[in-house]
Amino acid sequence: MIVYLAGFKTIENTYNKNPKDIYLLSSFFEHKTASDIPKFLYQEKHILDSGAYSTFNNIQKAKSIDWIEYTKKYIQFIKKTNAKLFFELDIDGVVGLQKVEYLRKLIEDGVGLQPIPVWHANRKYDYFLKMCENYKYVAIGTTPVTEEGKVFRKNPKLMNKFINDAHKNNCKIHGLGFTQMDLLPYLKFDSVDSTTWIGGGRYATSYVFINGKIKSASKPKGMVMKDKGYKDLNLFNFEQWVKFQKYAENNL
């Protein structure tokens, strides 16, 4: 299983090693206004998210966005970085599934490669099966901030059904935002991603890779961490998650 680590941009300037052998995920939304594209986006072990889901914090504002123009810029970015793996704009809740399909086709025609479609509950299960028949790689929303994510996390057997049906169609499947340690060994996702390691620095939690799992420990009550301590902790946590990433690739 490949575990993509999202949020690398937060430590890019302080990480003094070459990340070329680390699986990373980043969002077009993070980089779309940047004058310089970070080098790690050009590496082979990188997967690109459209970032469109980030706009769900404000649905009314999201509805006012010119999504065709956004998609055209996304296509240019994919081509410029030579990305091979990238997600569709899974914004069913903003523009409807029919428009999402139109934008997906724009990407496919513009890049010459299939984007990874992302299943959400409004699409129903039959649609997921069609995705698996027509695409080589699909994804399901498993983050706890989505309704289907909450359902999936309470019912791992349901997640397993999605995974098994994808594999029956020789289709790979990605779990968006899923690194639940007690379930990963039993759910045979081809890939997942997580930003959990960043939260460690934010909440003064340290992560340690032990015996094939990530363990966490919070700072003692009453203790305060200095500003630089958060940066050091982020770097430490990231390297522990990289260890887990390498373990997962060979063992999960």
Protein backbone atom coordinates (compact mmCIF):
# COMPACT_ATOMS: atom_id res chain seq x y z
CA MET A 1 0.00 0.00 0.00
CA ILE A 2 1.26 3.47 -0.85
CA VAL A 3 0.76 6.11 1.85
CA TYR A 4 0.93 9.59 0.35
CA LEU A 5 1.87 12.34 2.80
CA ALA A 6 0.05 15.60 2.18
CA GLY A 7 1.15 19.02 3.40
CA PHE A 8 4.86 18.79 2.56
CA LYS A 9 4.81 22.47 1.60
CA THR A 10 4.72 23.34 5.33
CA ILE A 11 8.25 21.96 5.84
CA GLU A 12 9.65 22.27 2.32
CA ASN A 13 12.08 25.05 3.26
CA THR A 14 13.35 23.32 6.42
CA TYR A 15 13.56 19.73 5.18
CA ASN A 16 17.22 19.27 4.24
CA LYS A 17 16.91 15.93 2.42
CA ASN A 18 15.88 15.14 -1.14
CA PRO A 19 12.21 14.01 -1.03
CA LYS A 20 12.38 12.25 -4.41
CA ASP A 21 11.83 8.81 -2.83
CA ILE A 22 8.92 9.96 -0.66
CA TYR A 23 5.32 9.62 -1.82
CA LEU A 24 3.75 13.07 -1.55
CA LEU A 25 0.34 14.54 -2.27
CA SER A 26 -0.31 18.20 -2.83
CA SER A 27 -3.14 20.33 -4.06
CA PHE A 28 -3.36 22.55 -7.11
CA PHE A 29 -5.24 24.96 -4.82
CA GLU A 30 -2.00 25.39 -2.81
CA HIS A 31 0.10 26.29 -5.83
CA LYS A 32 -2.23 27.94 -8.34
CA THR A 33 -1.15 31.50 -7.44
CA ALA A 34 2.52 30.74 -6.78
CA SER A 35 5.10 32.27 -9.12
CA ASP A 36 7.43 29.29 -8.68
CA ILE A 37 6.33 25.66 -8.65
CA PRO A 38 8.07 23.66 -5.89
CA LYS A 39 10.52 21.07 -7.22
CA PHE A 40 8.84 18.19 -5.41
CA LEU A 41 5.78 18.53 -7.66
CA TYR A 42 7.85 17.34 -10.60
CA GLN A 43 8.93 14.12 -8.94
CA GLU A 44 7.57 10.77 -10.03
CA LYS A 45 6.15 9.77 -6.63
CA HIS A 46 3.72 12.66 -6.46
CA ILE A 47 -0.04 12.63 -6.75
CA LEU A 48 -1.94 15.86 -7.46
CA ASP A 49 -5.29 16.86 -6.04
CA SER A 50 -7.44 19.46 -7.80
CA GLY A 51 -7.98 21.35 -4.53
CA ALA A 52 -11.54 22.07 -5.58
CA TYR A 53 -12.95 20.42 -2.46
CA SER A 54 -11.21 23.11 -0.39
CA THR A 55 -13.87 25.56 -1.55
CA PHE A 56 -16.56 23.63 0.35
CA ASN A 57 -15.87 25.80 3.39
CA ASN A 58 -18.08 28.36 1.69
CA ILE A 59 -20.63 26.78 -0.67
CA GLN A 60 -22.06 30.09 -1.88
CA LYS A 61 -18.61 31.35 -2.79
CA ALA A 62 -17.83 28.02 -4.45
CA LYS A 63 -20.91 28.37 -6.66
CA SER A 64 -19.65 31.70 -7.94
CA ILE A 65 -16.34 30.25 -9.16
CA ASP A 66 -15.84 29.82 -12.90
CA TRP A 67 -15.14 26.09 -12.74
CA ILE A 68 -14.42 25.74 -16.45
CA GLU A 69 -11.67 28.35 -16.15
CA TYR A 70 -10.41 26.67 -12.96
CA THR A 71 -10.29 23.34 -14.80
CA LYS A 72 -8.38 24.83 -17.73
CA LYS A 73 -5.75 26.18 -15.33
CA TYR A 74 -5.64 22.80 -13.60
CA ILE A 75 -5.01 21.13 -16.96
CA GLN A 76 -2.15 23.55 -17.69
CA PHE A 77 -0.66 22.82 -14.26
CA ILE A 78 -0.90 19.04 -14.78
CA LYS A 79 0.88 19.34 -18.11
CA LYS A 80 3.51 21.74 -16.79
CA THR A 81 4.43 19.42 -13.89
CA ASN A 82 4.08 16.31 -16.07
CA ALA A 83 1.80 14.76 -13.45
CA LYS A 84 0.76 11.17 -14.13
CA LEU A 85 -1.68 10.75 -11.23
CA PHE A 86 -4.26 13.44 -10.50
CA PHE A 87 -7.81 13.61 -9.17
CA GLU A 88 -10.90 15.00 -10.82
CA LEU A 89 -12.82 17.99 -9.45
CA ASP A 90 -15.17 16.11 -7.11
CA ILE A 91 -17.53 19.03 -6.53
CA ASP A 92 -20.86 17.27 -7.01
CA GLY A 93 -22.31 19.27 -4.09
CA VAL A 94 -21.57 22.55 -5.86
CA VAL A 95 -22.24 22.00 -9.56
CA GLY A 96 -23.91 18.57 -9.75
CA LEU A 97 -22.62 15.27 -11.11
CA GLN A 98 -23.35 16.07 -14.76
CA LYS A 99 -21.09 19.15 -14.64
CA VAL A 100 -18.42 17.13 -12.79
CA GLU A 101 -18.49 14.58 -15.61
CA TYR A 102 -18.12 17.41 -18.15
CA LEU A 103 -15.11 18.83 -16.28
CA ARG A 104 -13.62 15.33 -15.98
CA LYS A 105 -13.85 14.91 -19.75
CA LEU A 106 -12.20 18.32 -20.24
CA ILE A 107 -9.27 17.12 -18.15
CA GLU A 108 -9.04 13.77 -19.91
CA ASP A 109 -9.07 15.38 -23.36
CA GLY A 110 -6.75 18.21 -22.34
CA VAL A 111 -4.10 16.03 -20.69
CA GLY A 112 -4.48 12.79 -22.62
CA LEU A 113 -4.67 10.77 -19.39
CA GLN A 114 -7.56 9.69 -17.20
CA PRO A 115 -8.03 11.61 -13.96
CA ILE A 116 -8.90 9.62 -10.84
CA PRO A 117 -12.66 9.95 -10.27
CA VAL A 118 -13.75 10.32 -6.64
CA TRP A 119 -16.91 8.57 -5.46
CA HIS A 120 -19.29 10.35 -3.11
CA ALA A 121 -22.52 8.95 -1.68
CA ASN A 122 -24.78 11.00 -3.98
CA ARG A 123 -23.46 8.95 -6.92
CA LYS A 124 -24.91 5.65 -5.60
CA TYR A 125 -23.15 2.30 -5.70
CA ASP A 126 -23.97 1.40 -9.30
CA TYR A 127 -22.06 4.49 -10.36
CA PHE A 128 -19.05 3.32 -8.38
CA LEU A 129 -19.10 0.04 -10.29
CA LYS A 130 -19.20 1.96 -13.59
CA MET A 131 -16.23 4.02 -12.42
CA CYS A 132 -14.31 0.79 -11.81
CA GLU A 133 -15.22 -0.52 -15.26
CA ASN A 134 -14.18 2.66 -17.07
CA TYR A 135 -11.18 3.85 -15.06
CA LYS A 136 -7.93 2.22 -13.95
CA TYR A 137 -7.80 4.13 -10.67
CA VAL A 138 -10.67 5.37 -8.50
CA ALA A 139 -10.99 6.98 -5.08
CA ILE A 140 -13.53 7.09 -2.27
CA GLY A 141 -13.97 9.87 0.27
CA THR A 142 -13.05 8.45 3.68
CA THR A 143 -12.25 11.63 5.59
CA PRO A 144 -14.39 12.13 8.72
CA VAL A 145 -15.47 15.58 7.50
CA THR A 146 -17.70 14.03 4.81
CA GLU A 147 -20.91 12.11 5.44
CA GLU A 148 -19.75 9.04 3.54
CA GLY A 149 -16.43 9.24 5.38
CA LYS A 150 -18.23 9.02 8.72
CA VAL A 151 -20.26 6.06 7.48
CA PHE A 152 -17.19 4.27 6.10
CA ARG A 153 -15.24 4.68 9.34
CA LYS A 154 -18.06 3.17 11.37
CA ASN A 155 -18.44 0.30 8.91
CA PRO A 156 -15.09 -1.05 7.64
CA LYS A 157 -16.91 -3.99 6.02
CA LEU A 158 -18.55 -1.50 3.68
CA MET A 159 -15.14 -0.04 2.81
CA ASN A 160 -13.91 -3.55 2.13
CA LYS A 161 -16.79 -4.14 -0.30
CA PHE A 162 -15.75 -1.08 -2.32
CA ILE A 163 -12.12 -2.21 -2.30
CA ASN A 164 -12.93 -5.78 -3.33
CA ASP A 165 -15.28 -4.70 -6.13
CA ALA A 166 -12.65 -2.32 -7.49
CA HIS A 167 -10.07 -5.10 -7.52
CA LYS A 168 -12.49 -7.48 -9.23
CA ASN A 169 -12.45 -5.00 -12.10
CA ASN A 170 -8.62 -4.80 -12.06
CA CYS A 171 -9.00 -1.25 -10.82
CA LYS A 172 -6.84 0.42 -8.17
CA ILE A 173 -8.53 2.28 -5.32
CA HIS A 174 -7.42 5.20 -3.17
CA GLY A 175 -8.78 6.07 0.29
CA LEU A 176 -8.82 9.86 0.62
CA GLY A 177 -7.66 11.01 4.04
CA PHE A 178 -7.47 7.53 5.57
CA THR A 179 -4.65 6.30 7.80
CA GLN A 180 -6.56 4.63 10.63
CA MET A 181 -3.84 2.38 12.06
CA ASP A 182 -6.10 -0.36 13.42
CA LEU A 183 -7.81 -0.84 10.04
CA LEU A 184 -5.07 -0.32 7.45
CA PRO A 185 -3.71 -3.90 7.70
CA TYR A 186 -7.16 -5.30 6.89
CA LEU A 187 -8.28 -2.87 4.20
CA LYS A 188 -6.27 -3.50 1.06
CA PHE A 189 -6.34 -0.04 -0.43
CA ASP A 190 -3.77 0.45 -3.18
CA SER A 191 -3.08 3.89 -1.77
CA VAL A 192 -4.23 6.32 0.90
CA ASP A 193 -3.16 9.80 2.01
CA SER A 194 -3.00 11.75 5.23
CA THR A 195 -2.10 15.12 6.79
CA THR A 196 -2.15 13.71 10.33
CA TRP A 197 1.58 14.30 10.79
CA ILE A 198 1.03 18.07 10.45
CA GLY A 199 -1.56 18.04 13.23
CA GLY A 200 1.15 16.77 15.54
CA GLY A 201 3.00 20.06 15.38
CA ARG A 202 -0.23 22.04 15.63
CA TYR A 203 -1.37 20.23 18.77
CA ALA A 204 2.08 19.44 20.23
CA THR A 205 1.67 15.72 19.58
CA SER A 206 4.63 13.59 18.65
CA TYR A 207 4.42 10.48 16.45
CA VAL A 208 6.74 7.51 16.59
CA PHE A 209 6.91 4.57 14.20
CA ILE A 210 6.97 1.35 16.26
CA ASN A 211 6.29 -2.24 15.18
CA GLY A 212 4.58 -1.34 11.91
CA LYS A 213 2.34 1.38 13.37
CA ILE A 214 2.39 5.05 14.23
CA LYS A 215 1.99 5.76 17.94
CA SER A 216 1.18 9.21 19.30
CA ALA A 217 1.97 11.02 22.54
CA SER A 218 0.69 14.44 23.62
CA LYS A 219 2.74 16.97 25.54
CA PRO A 220 2.42 16.86 29.35
CA LYS A 221 -0.25 19.10 30.88
CA GLY A 222 0.98 22.53 31.83
CA MET A 223 3.93 22.40 29.45
CA VAL A 224 4.21 24.99 26.68
CA MET A 225 6.13 24.46 23.46
CA LYS A 226 8.27 27.26 22.05
CA ASP A 227 7.65 28.45 18.50
CA LYS A 228 10.74 26.76 17.05
CA GLY A 229 9.71 23.57 18.87
CA TYR A 230 6.70 23.20 16.56
CA LYS A 231 8.94 23.34 13.50
CA ASP A 232 11.27 20.74 14.96
CA LEU A 233 8.33 18.56 15.93
CA ASN A 234 6.86 18.77 12.42
CA LEU A 235 10.16 17.60 10.95
CA PHE A 236 10.44 14.77 13.47
CA ASN A 237 6.85 13.65 12.86
CA PHE A 238 7.27 13.77 9.10
CA GLU A 239 10.31 11.49 9.23
CA GLN A 240 8.45 9.02 11.46
CA TRP A 241 5.60 8.94 8.93
CA VAL A 242 8.10 8.40 6.12
CA LYS A 243 9.28 5.31 8.02
CA PHE A 244 5.69 4.12 8.18
CA GLN A 245 5.27 4.90 4.47
CA LYS A 246 8.18 2.62 3.60
CA TYR A 247 6.83 -0.11 5.87
CA ALA A 248 3.35 0.14 4.33
CA GLU A 249 4.70 -0.07 0.78
CA ASN A 250 6.38 -3.40 1.55
CA ASN A 251 4.02 -4.93 4.10
CA LEU A 252 0.45 -3.64 3.75
